[in-house]
Amino acid sequence: MRALALIAVFVAGTAAAQLRTIPADAERGELRHVQENVIELDGKRETLAPGAQIRDEANRIILPGAVAPGAIVKYRRDANGAVSQVWILTTQEAAR
């Protein structure tokens, strides 16, 4: 029973990661967290929008400090130009 439950959790996690869609208008960049709501995109300092979401490779929302330096991402900006959505790309997504 325990092994079956573990397999179900693994399969569900894998399926959820495969279902994510990154909008076609999202831009590609290299991200590094600097401090609090300040990040660097391609070496340029940027501000995260209030309520910004950063999603890891498994599509889970993470805090900015959890982003590995130099992560390859896709991102979108809000109406004010602040970064509002970020998706950390898997190796397969980054290769496309």
PDB file of N, CA and C in Angstrom:
ATOM      1  N   MET A   1       0.810  -1.193   0.000  1.00  0.00           N
ATOM      2  CA  MET A   1       0.000   0.000   0.000  1.00  0.00           C
ATOM      3  C   MET A   1       0.857   1.263   0.000  1.00  0.00           C
ATOM      4  N   ARG A   2       1.879   1.294   0.860  1.00  0.00           N
ATOM      5  CA  ARG A   2       2.726   2.472   0.967  1.00  0.00           C
ATOM      6  C   ARG A   2       3.450   2.735  -0.352  1.00  0.00           C
ATOM      7  N   ALA A   3       3.926   1.672  -0.996  1.00  0.00           N
ATOM      8  CA  ALA A   3       4.631   1.836  -2.269  1.00  0.00           C
ATOM      9  C   ALA A   3       3.693   2.374  -3.338  1.00  0.00           C
ATOM     10  N   LEU A   4       2.457   1.896  -3.333  1.00  0.00           N
ATOM     11  CA  LEU A   4       1.470   2.366  -4.297  1.00  0.00           C
ATOM     12  C   LEU A   4       1.169   3.850  -4.112  1.00  0.00           C
ATOM     13  N   ALA A   5       1.054   4.283  -2.866  1.00  0.00           N
ATOM     14  CA  ALA A   5       0.814   5.697  -2.574  1.00  0.00           C
ATOM     15  C   ALA A   5       1.987   6.546  -3.040  1.00  0.00           C
ATOM     16  N   LEU A   6       3.200   6.051  -2.818  1.00  0.00           N
ATOM     17  CA  LEU A   6       4.401   6.786  -3.239  1.00  0.00           C
ATOM     18  C   LEU A   6       4.449   6.927  -4.762  1.00  0.00           C
ATOM     19  N   ILE A   7       4.099   5.867  -5.456  1.00  0.00           N
ATOM     20  CA  ILE A   7       4.079   5.910  -6.922  1.00  0.00           C
ATOM     21  C   ILE A   7       3.019   6.902  -7.403  1.00  0.00           C
ATOM     22  N   ALA A   8       1.851   6.906  -6.757  1.00  0.00           N
ATOM     23  CA  ALA A   8       0.777   7.829  -7.143  1.00  0.00           C
ATOM     24  C   ALA A   8       1.214   9.280  -6.966  1.00  0.00           C
ATOM     25  N   VAL A   9       1.909   9.579  -5.887  1.00  0.00           N
ATOM     26  CA  VAL A   9       2.395  10.942  -5.647  1.00  0.00           C
ATOM     27  C   VAL A   9       3.403  11.341  -6.711  1.00  0.00           C
ATOM     28  N   PHE A  10       4.314  10.431  -7.051  1.00  0.00           N
ATOM     29  CA  PHE A  10       5.326  10.719  -8.074  1.00  0.00           C
ATOM     30  C   PHE A  10       4.674  10.982  -9.424  1.00  0.00           C
ATOM     31  N   VAL A  11       3.743  10.142  -9.821  1.00  0.00           N
ATOM     32  CA  VAL A  11       3.079  10.288 -11.113  1.00  0.00           C
ATOM     33  C   VAL A  11       2.271  11.577 -11.157  1.00  0.00           C
ATOM     34  N   ALA A  12       1.571  11.905 -10.065  1.00  0.00           N
ATOM     35  CA  ALA A  12       0.787  13.139 -10.021  1.00  0.00           C
ATOM     36  C   ALA A  12       1.683  14.359 -10.141  1.00  0.00           C
ATOM     37  N   GLY A  13       2.831  14.337  -9.467  1.00  0.00           N
ATOM     38  CA  GLY A  13       3.776  15.456  -9.549  1.00  0.00           C
ATOM     39  C   GLY A  13       4.333  15.615 -10.942  1.00  0.00           C
ATOM     40  N   THR A  14       4.652  14.511 -11.588  1.00  0.00           N
ATOM     41  CA  THR A  14       5.172  14.555 -12.953  1.00  0.00           C
ATOM     42  C   THR A  14       4.107  15.066 -13.914  1.00  0.00           C
ATOM     43  N   ALA A  15       2.880  14.613 -13.752  1.00  0.00           N
ATOM     44  CA  ALA A  15       1.794  15.059 -14.631  1.00  0.00           C
ATOM     45  C   ALA A  15       1.541  16.548 -14.465  1.00  0.00           C
ATOM     46  N   ALA A  16       1.568  17.043 -13.238  1.00  0.00           N
ATOM     47  CA  ALA A  16       1.336  18.471 -13.005  1.00  0.00           C
ATOM     48  C   ALA A  16       2.411  19.308 -13.683  1.00  0.00           C
ATOM     49  N   ALA A  17       3.661  18.867 -13.630  1.00  0.00           N
ATOM     50  CA  ALA A  17       4.745  19.610 -14.248  1.00  0.00           C
ATOM     51  C   ALA A  17       4.586  19.645 -15.768  1.00  0.00           C
ATOM     52  N   GLN A  18       4.042  18.583 -16.353  1.00  0.00           N
ATOM     53  CA  GLN A  18       3.880  18.522 -17.792  1.00  0.00           C
ATOM     54  C   GLN A  18       2.712  19.383 -18.272  1.00  0.00           C
ATOM     55  N   LEU A  19       1.765  19.680 -17.395  1.00  0.00           N
ATOM     56  CA  LEU A  19       0.578  20.429 -17.791  1.00  0.00           C
ATOM     57  C   LEU A  19       0.789  21.934 -17.821  1.00  0.00           C
ATOM     58  N   ARG A  20       1.877  22.422 -17.311  1.00  0.00           N
ATOM     59  CA  ARG A  20       2.032  23.871 -17.256  1.00  0.00           C
ATOM     60  C   ARG A  20       2.211  24.439 -18.654  1.00  0.00           C
ATOM     61  N   THR A  21       1.661  25.597 -18.839  1.00  0.00           N
ATOM     62  CA  THR A  21       1.815  26.295 -20.112  1.00  0.00           C
ATOM     63  C   THR A  21       2.424  27.659 -19.834  1.00  0.00           C
ATOM     64  N   ILE A  22       3.413  27.970 -20.597  1.00  0.00           N
ATOM     65  CA  ILE A  22       4.076  29.268 -20.492  1.00  0.00           C
ATOM     66  C   ILE A  22       3.574  30.107 -21.664  1.00  0.00           C
ATOM     67  N   PRO A  23       3.026  31.276 -21.388  1.00  0.00           N
ATOM     68  CA  PRO A  23       2.470  32.106 -22.474  1.00  0.00           C
ATOM     69  C   PRO A  23       3.500  32.387 -23.567  1.00  0.00           C
ATOM     70  N   ALA A  24       3.019  32.424 -24.792  1.00  0.00           N
ATOM     71  CA  ALA A  24       3.891  32.649 -25.948  1.00  0.00           C
ATOM     72  C   ALA A  24       4.581  34.003 -25.892  1.00  0.00           C
ATOM     73  N   ASP A  25       3.963  34.992 -25.231  1.00  0.00           N
ATOM     74  CA  ASP A  25       4.561  36.327 -25.185  1.00  0.00           C
ATOM     75  C   ASP A  25       5.579  36.492 -24.056  1.00  0.00           C
ATOM     76  N   ALA A  26       5.819  35.432 -23.280  1.00  0.00           N
ATOM     77  CA  ALA A  26       6.814  35.514 -22.206  1.00  0.00           C
ATOM     78  C   ALA A  26       8.214  35.634 -22.811  1.00  0.00           C
ATOM     79  N   GLU A  27       9.002  36.513 -22.229  1.00  0.00           N
ATOM     80  CA  GLU A  27      10.368  36.734 -22.712  1.00  0.00           C
ATOM     81  C   GLU A  27      11.324  35.788 -22.008  1.00  0.00           C
ATOM     82  N   ARG A  28      12.442  35.496 -22.640  1.00  0.00           N
ATOM     83  CA  ARG A  28      13.448  34.594 -22.071  1.00  0.00           C
ATOM     84  C   ARG A  28      14.569  35.420 -21.451  1.00  0.00           C
ATOM     85  N   GLY A  29      15.117  34.933 -20.349  1.00  0.00           N
ATOM     86  CA  GLY A  29      16.221  35.631 -19.718  1.00  0.00           C
ATOM     87  C   GLY A  29      16.940  34.767 -18.709  1.00  0.00           C
ATOM     88  N   GLU A  30      17.985  35.340 -18.134  1.00  0.00           N
ATOM     89  CA  GLU A  30      18.747  34.691 -17.063  1.00  0.00           C
ATOM     90  C   GLU A  30      18.501  35.489 -15.799  1.00  0.00           C
ATOM     91  N   LEU A  31      18.052  34.817 -14.748  1.00  0.00           N
ATOM     92  CA  LEU A  31      17.619  35.490 -13.532  1.00  0.00           C
ATOM     93  C   LEU A  31      18.537  35.196 -12.353  1.00  0.00           C
ATOM     94  N   ARG A  32      18.738  36.212 -11.543  1.00  0.00           N
ATOM     95  CA  ARG A  32      19.477  36.081 -10.289  1.00  0.00           C
ATOM     96  C   ARG A  32      18.775  36.947  -9.260  1.00  0.00           C
ATOM     97  N   HIS A  33      18.563  36.391  -8.065  1.00  0.00           N
ATOM     98  CA  HIS A  33      17.957  37.159  -6.973  1.00  0.00           C
ATOM     99  C   HIS A  33      19.028  38.029  -6.333  1.00  0.00           C
ATOM    100  N   VAL A  34      18.716  39.303  -6.069  1.00  0.00           N
ATOM    101  CA  VAL A  34      19.655  40.225  -5.435  1.00  0.00           C
ATOM    102  C   VAL A  34      19.286  40.392  -3.966  1.00  0.00           C
ATOM    103  N   GLN A  35      18.100  40.902  -3.705  1.00  0.00           N
ATOM    104  CA  GLN A  35      17.613  41.058  -2.335  1.00  0.00           C
ATOM    105  C   GLN A  35      16.129  41.379  -2.383  1.00  0.00           C
ATOM    106  N   GLU A  36      15.396  40.929  -1.374  1.00  0.00           N
ATOM    107  CA  GLU A  36      13.962  41.185  -1.252  1.00  0.00           C
ATOM    108  C   GLU A  36      13.261  41.081  -2.602  1.00  0.00           C
ATOM    109  N   ASN A  37      12.732  42.178  -3.135  1.00  0.00           N
ATOM    110  CA  ASN A  37      12.021  42.133  -4.411  1.00  0.00           C
ATOM    111  C   ASN A  37      12.866  42.650  -5.576  1.00  0.00           C
ATOM    112  N   VAL A  38      14.168  42.614  -5.419  1.00  0.00           N
ATOM    113  CA  VAL A  38      15.088  43.056  -6.478  1.00  0.00           C
ATOM    114  C   VAL A  38      15.761  41.822  -7.089  1.00  0.00           C
ATOM    115  N   ILE A  39      15.708  41.757  -8.411  1.00  0.00           N
ATOM    116  CA  ILE A  39      16.332  40.670  -9.156  1.00  0.00           C
ATOM    117  C   ILE A  39      17.216  41.264 -10.244  1.00  0.00           C
ATOM    118  N   GLU A  40      18.001  40.416 -10.866  1.00  0.00           N
ATOM    119  CA  GLU A  40      18.736  40.795 -12.071  1.00  0.00           C
ATOM    120  C   GLU A  40      18.249  39.908 -13.194  1.00  0.00           C
ATOM    121  N   LEU A  41      17.859  40.522 -14.288  1.00  0.00           N
ATOM    122  CA  LEU A  41      17.504  39.818 -15.515  1.00  0.00           C
ATOM    123  C   LEU A  41      18.536  40.174 -16.555  1.00  0.00           C
ATOM    124  N   ASP A  42      19.278  39.178 -16.996  1.00  0.00           N
ATOM    125  CA  ASP A  42      20.341  39.395 -17.984  1.00  0.00           C
ATOM    126  C   ASP A  42      21.298  40.495 -17.537  1.00  0.00           C
ATOM    127  N   GLY A  43      21.608  40.513 -16.233  1.00  0.00           N
ATOM    128  CA  GLY A  43      22.571  41.453 -15.685  1.00  0.00           C
ATOM    129  C   GLY A  43      22.015  42.832 -15.358  1.00  0.00           C
ATOM    130  N   LYS A  44      20.734  43.081 -15.626  1.00  0.00           N
ATOM    131  CA  LYS A  44      20.128  44.380 -15.359  1.00  0.00           C
ATOM    132  C   LYS A  44      19.191  44.276 -14.162  1.00  0.00           C
ATOM    133  N   ARG A  45      19.336  45.174 -13.203  1.00  0.00           N
ATOM    134  CA  ARG A  45      18.483  45.155 -12.006  1.00  0.00           C
ATOM    135  C   ARG A  45      17.048  45.504 -12.367  1.00  0.00           C
ATOM    136  N   GLU A  46      16.137  44.715 -11.804  1.00  0.00           N
ATOM    137  CA  GLU A  46      14.706  44.867 -12.041  1.00  0.00           C
ATOM    138  C   GLU A  46      13.990  44.729 -10.707  1.00  0.00           C
ATOM    139  N   THR A  47      12.745  45.194 -10.659  1.00  0.00           N
ATOM    140  CA  THR A  47      11.923  45.054  -9.470  1.00  0.00           C
ATOM    141  C   THR A  47      10.795  44.076  -9.743  1.00  0.00           C
ATOM    142  N   LEU A  48      10.530  43.205  -8.777  1.00  0.00           N
ATOM    143  CA  LEU A  48       9.379  42.323  -8.883  1.00  0.00           C
ATOM    144  C   LEU A  48       8.119  43.110  -8.544  1.00  0.00           C
ATOM    145  N   ALA A  49       7.065  42.860  -9.265  1.00  0.00           N
ATOM    146  CA  ALA A  49       5.777  43.507  -9.001  1.00  0.00           C
ATOM    147  C   ALA A  49       5.215  42.986  -7.679  1.00  0.00           C
ATOM    148  N   PRO A  50       4.390  43.786  -7.003  1.00  0.00           N
ATOM    149  CA  PRO A  50       3.710  43.268  -5.812  1.00  0.00           C
ATOM    150  C   PRO A  50       2.889  42.037  -6.208  1.00  0.00           C
ATOM    151  N   GLY A  51       3.027  40.971  -5.450  1.00  0.00           N
ATOM    152  CA  GLY A  51       2.297  39.736  -5.745  1.00  0.00           C
ATOM    153  C   GLY A  51       2.887  38.914  -6.862  1.00  0.00           C
ATOM    154  N   ALA A  52       4.114  39.222  -7.275  1.00  0.00           N
ATOM    155  CA  ALA A  52       4.751  38.469  -8.356  1.00  0.00           C
ATOM    156  C   ALA A  52       4.842  36.993  -7.991  1.00  0.00           C
ATOM    157  N   GLN A  53       4.730  36.147  -9.005  1.00  0.00           N
ATOM    158  CA  GLN A  53       4.839  34.703  -8.802  1.00  0.00           C
ATOM    159  C   GLN A  53       6.044  34.178  -9.564  1.00  0.00           C
ATOM    160  N   ILE A  54       6.838  33.389  -8.856  1.00  0.00           N
ATOM    161  CA  ILE A  54       7.970  32.690  -9.471  1.00  0.00           C
ATOM    162  C   ILE A  54       7.659  31.207  -9.359  1.00  0.00           C
ATOM    163  N   ARG A  55       7.643  30.527 -10.494  1.00  0.00           N
ATOM    164  CA  ARG A  55       7.340  29.095 -10.505  1.00  0.00           C
ATOM    165  C   ARG A  55       8.596  28.312 -10.865  1.00  0.00           C
ATOM    166  N   ASP A  56       8.852  27.246 -10.075  1.00  0.00           N
ATOM    167  CA  ASP A  56      10.021  26.405 -10.331  1.00  0.00           C
ATOM    168  C   ASP A  56       9.732  25.421 -11.466  1.00  0.00           C
ATOM    169  N   GLU A  57      10.675  24.536 -11.731  1.00  0.00           N
ATOM    170  CA  GLU A  57      10.547  23.586 -12.834  1.00  0.00           C
ATOM    171  C   GLU A  57       9.343  22.653 -12.671  1.00  0.00           C
ATOM    172  N   ALA A  58       8.914  22.425 -11.432  1.00  0.00           N
ATOM    173  CA  ALA A  58       7.750  21.574 -11.167  1.00  0.00           C
ATOM    174  C   ALA A  58       6.466  22.395 -11.076  1.00  0.00           C
ATOM    175  N   ASN A  59       6.542  23.669 -11.422  1.00  0.00           N
ATOM    176  CA  ASN A  59       5.412  24.602 -11.445  1.00  0.00           C
ATOM    177  C   ASN A  59       4.918  24.999 -10.057  1.00  0.00           C
ATOM    178  N   ARG A  60       5.754  24.828  -9.043  1.00  0.00           N
ATOM    179  CA  ARG A  60       5.398  25.265  -7.690  1.00  0.00           C
ATOM    180  C   ARG A  60       5.834  26.707  -7.512  1.00  0.00           C
ATOM    181  N   ILE A  61       5.054  27.472  -6.761  1.00  0.00           N
ATOM    182  CA  ILE A  61       5.425  28.856  -6.475  1.00  0.00           C
ATOM    183  C   ILE A  61       6.522  28.851  -5.418  1.00  0.00           C
ATOM    184  N   ILE A  62       7.605  29.592  -5.684  1.00  0.00           N
ATOM    185  CA  ILE A  62       8.731  29.665  -4.753  1.00  0.00           C
ATOM    186  C   ILE A  62       9.050  31.117  -4.435  1.00  0.00           C
ATOM    187  N   LEU A  63       9.810  31.316  -3.384  1.00  0.00           N
ATOM    188  CA  LEU A  63      10.262  32.656  -3.007  1.00  0.00           C
ATOM    189  C   LEU A  63      11.458  33.062  -3.854  1.00  0.00           C
ATOM    190  N   PRO A  64      11.663  34.367  -4.058  1.00  0.00           N
ATOM    191  CA  PRO A  64      12.791  34.815  -4.891  1.00  0.00           C
ATOM    192  C   PRO A  64      14.145  34.296  -4.417  1.00  0.00           C
ATOM    193  N   GLY A  65      14.344  34.192  -3.108  1.00  0.00           N
ATOM    194  CA  GLY A  65      15.620  33.718  -2.582  1.00  0.00           C
ATOM    195  C   GLY A  65      15.915  32.264  -2.902  1.00  0.00           C
ATOM    196  N   ALA A  66      14.913  31.513  -3.336  1.00  0.00           N
ATOM    197  CA  ALA A  66      15.095  30.098  -3.667  1.00  0.00           C
ATOM    198  C   ALA A  66      15.557  29.879  -5.104  1.00  0.00           C
ATOM    199  N   VAL A  67      15.636  30.941  -5.873  1.00  0.00           N
ATOM    200  CA  VAL A  67      16.060  30.825  -7.268  1.00  0.00           C
ATOM    201  C   VAL A  67      17.572  30.658  -7.326  1.00  0.00           C
ATOM    202  N   ALA A  68      18.014  29.633  -8.038  1.00  0.00           N
ATOM    203  CA  ALA A  68      19.452  29.411  -8.212  1.00  0.00           C
ATOM    204  C   ALA A  68      20.026  30.519  -9.096  1.00  0.00           C
ATOM    205  N   PRO A  69      21.189  31.053  -8.757  1.00  0.00           N
ATOM    206  CA  PRO A  69      21.789  32.109  -9.582  1.00  0.00           C
ATOM    207  C   PRO A  69      21.982  31.634 -11.026  1.00  0.00           C
ATOM    208  N   GLY A  70      21.619  32.475 -11.955  1.00  0.00           N
ATOM    209  CA  GLY A  70      21.805  32.138 -13.363  1.00  0.00           C
ATOM    210  C   GLY A  70      20.723  31.243 -13.936  1.00  0.00           C
ATOM    211  N   ALA A  71      19.578  31.144 -13.270  1.00  0.00           N
ATOM    212  CA  ALA A  71      18.482  30.305 -13.761  1.00  0.00           C
ATOM    213  C   ALA A  71      17.958  30.852 -15.087  1.00  0.00           C
ATOM    214  N   ILE A  72      17.713  29.948 -16.024  1.00  0.00           N
ATOM    215  CA  ILE A  72      17.128  30.333 -17.305  1.00  0.00           C
ATOM    216  C   ILE A  72      15.611  30.348 -17.112  1.00  0.00           C
ATOM    217  N   VAL A  73      14.999  31.468 -17.451  1.00  0.00           N
ATOM    218  CA  VAL A  73      13.578  31.669 -17.167  1.00  0.00           C
ATOM    219  C   VAL A  73      12.842  32.265 -18.363  1.00  0.00           C
ATOM    220  N   LYS A  74      11.537  32.202 -18.283  1.00  0.00           N
ATOM    221  CA  LYS A  74      10.641  32.995 -19.125  1.00  0.00           C
ATOM    222  C   LYS A  74       9.914  33.895 -18.151  1.00  0.00           C
ATOM    223  N   TYR A  75       9.618  35.130 -18.560  1.00  0.00           N
ATOM    224  CA  TYR A  75       8.972  36.070 -17.635  1.00  0.00           C
ATOM    225  C   TYR A  75       8.046  37.006 -18.388  1.00  0.00           C
ATOM    226  N   ARG A  76       7.114  37.574 -17.625  1.00  0.00           N
ATOM    227  CA  ARG A  76       6.186  38.582 -18.150  1.00  0.00           C
ATOM    228  C   ARG A  76       6.196  39.775 -17.212  1.00  0.00           C
ATOM    229  N   ARG A  77       5.846  40.920 -17.769  1.00  0.00           N
ATOM    230  CA  ARG A  77       5.788  42.162 -17.004  1.00  0.00           C
ATOM    231  C   ARG A  77       4.339  42.600 -16.830  1.00  0.00           C
ATOM    232  N   ASP A  78       4.097  43.392 -15.784  1.00  0.00           N
ATOM    233  CA  ASP A  78       2.763  43.960 -15.593  1.00  0.00           C
ATOM    234  C   ASP A  78       2.667  45.280 -16.372  1.00  0.00           C
ATOM    235  N   ALA A  79       1.548  45.969 -16.230  1.00  0.00           N
ATOM    236  CA  ALA A  79       1.314  47.221 -16.972  1.00  0.00           C
ATOM    237  C   ALA A  79       2.312  48.316 -16.604  1.00  0.00           C
ATOM    238  N   ASN A  80       2.914  48.226 -15.405  1.00  0.00           N
ATOM    239  CA  ASN A  80       3.893  49.225 -14.967  1.00  0.00           C
ATOM    240  C   ASN A  80       5.323  48.873 -15.360  1.00  0.00           C
ATOM    241  N   GLY A  81       5.516  47.724 -16.003  1.00  0.00           N
ATOM    242  CA  GLY A  81       6.845  47.313 -16.427  1.00  0.00           C
ATOM    243  C   GLY A  81       7.596  46.467 -15.422  1.00  0.00           C
ATOM    244  N   ALA A  82       6.999  46.191 -14.267  1.00  0.00           N
ATOM    245  CA  ALA A  82       7.659  45.350 -13.261  1.00  0.00           C
ATOM    246  C   ALA A  82       7.448  43.875 -13.619  1.00  0.00           C
ATOM    247  N   VAL A  83       8.400  43.038 -13.258  1.00  0.00           N
ATOM    248  CA  VAL A  83       8.314  41.603 -13.530  1.00  0.00           C
ATOM    249  C   VAL A  83       7.234  41.005 -12.627  1.00  0.00           C
ATOM    250  N   SER A  84       6.222  40.393 -13.240  1.00  0.00           N
ATOM    251  CA  SER A  84       5.086  39.888 -12.459  1.00  0.00           C
ATOM    252  C   SER A  84       4.962  38.374 -12.460  1.00  0.00           C
ATOM    253  N   GLN A  85       5.453  37.711 -13.492  1.00  0.00           N
ATOM    254  CA  GLN A  85       5.381  36.257 -13.568  1.00  0.00           C
ATOM    255  C   GLN A  85       6.704  35.725 -14.083  1.00  0.00           C
ATOM    256  N   VAL A  86       7.185  34.653 -13.436  1.00  0.00           N
ATOM    257  CA  VAL A  86       8.448  34.037 -13.830  1.00  0.00           C
ATOM    258  C   VAL A  86       8.269  32.528 -13.820  1.00  0.00           C
ATOM    259  N   TRP A  87       8.767  31.874 -14.840  1.00  0.00           N
ATOM    260  CA  TRP A  87       8.796  30.418 -14.906  1.00  0.00           C
ATOM    261  C   TRP A  87      10.252  29.995 -15.073  1.00  0.00           C
ATOM    262  N   ILE A  88      10.764  29.230 -14.126  1.00  0.00           N
ATOM    263  CA  ILE A  88      12.112  28.669 -14.262  1.00  0.00           C
ATOM    264  C   ILE A  88      12.001  27.495 -15.230  1.00  0.00           C
ATOM    265  N   LEU A  89      12.801  27.504 -16.265  1.00  0.00           N
ATOM    266  CA  LEU A  89      12.693  26.490 -17.307  1.00  0.00           C
ATOM    267  C   LEU A  89      13.398  25.194 -16.929  1.00  0.00           C
ATOM    268  N   THR A  90      12.797  24.078 -17.328  1.00  0.00           N
ATOM    269  CA  THR A  90      13.458  22.789 -17.196  1.00  0.00           C
ATOM    270  C   THR A  90      14.555  22.740 -18.262  1.00  0.00           C
ATOM    271  N   THR A  91      15.418  21.752 -18.199  1.00  0.00           N
ATOM    272  CA  THR A  91      16.462  21.642 -19.221  1.00  0.00           C
ATOM    273  C   THR A  91      15.854  21.418 -20.608  1.00  0.00           C
ATOM    274  N   GLN A  92      14.740  20.678 -20.667  1.00  0.00           N
ATOM    275  CA  GLN A  92      14.079  20.437 -21.955  1.00  0.00           C
ATOM    276  C   GLN A  92      13.471  21.738 -22.488  1.00  0.00           C
ATOM    277  N   GLU A  93      12.831  22.523 -21.624  1.00  0.00           N
ATOM    278  CA  GLU A  93      12.239  23.789 -22.059  1.00  0.00           C
ATOM    279  C   GLU A  93      13.322  24.770 -22.488  1.00  0.00           C
ATOM    280  N   ALA A  94      14.423  24.811 -21.779  1.00  0.00           N
ATOM    281  CA  ALA A  94      15.514  25.721 -22.104  1.00  0.00           C
ATOM    282  C   ALA A  94      16.169  25.367 -23.434  1.00  0.00           C
ATOM    283  N   ALA A  95      16.155  24.092 -23.778  1.00  0.00           N
ATOM    284  CA  ALA A  95      16.774  23.642 -25.029  1.00  0.00           C
ATOM    285  C   ALA A  95      15.950  24.029 -26.261  1.00  0.00           C
ATOM    286  N   ARG A  96      14.651  24.308 -26.059  1.00  0.00           N
ATOM    287  CA  ARG A  96      13.783  24.670 -27.202  1.00  0.00           C
ATOM    288  C   ARG A  96      14.028  26.072 -27.660  1.00  0.00           C
TER     289      ARG A  96
END
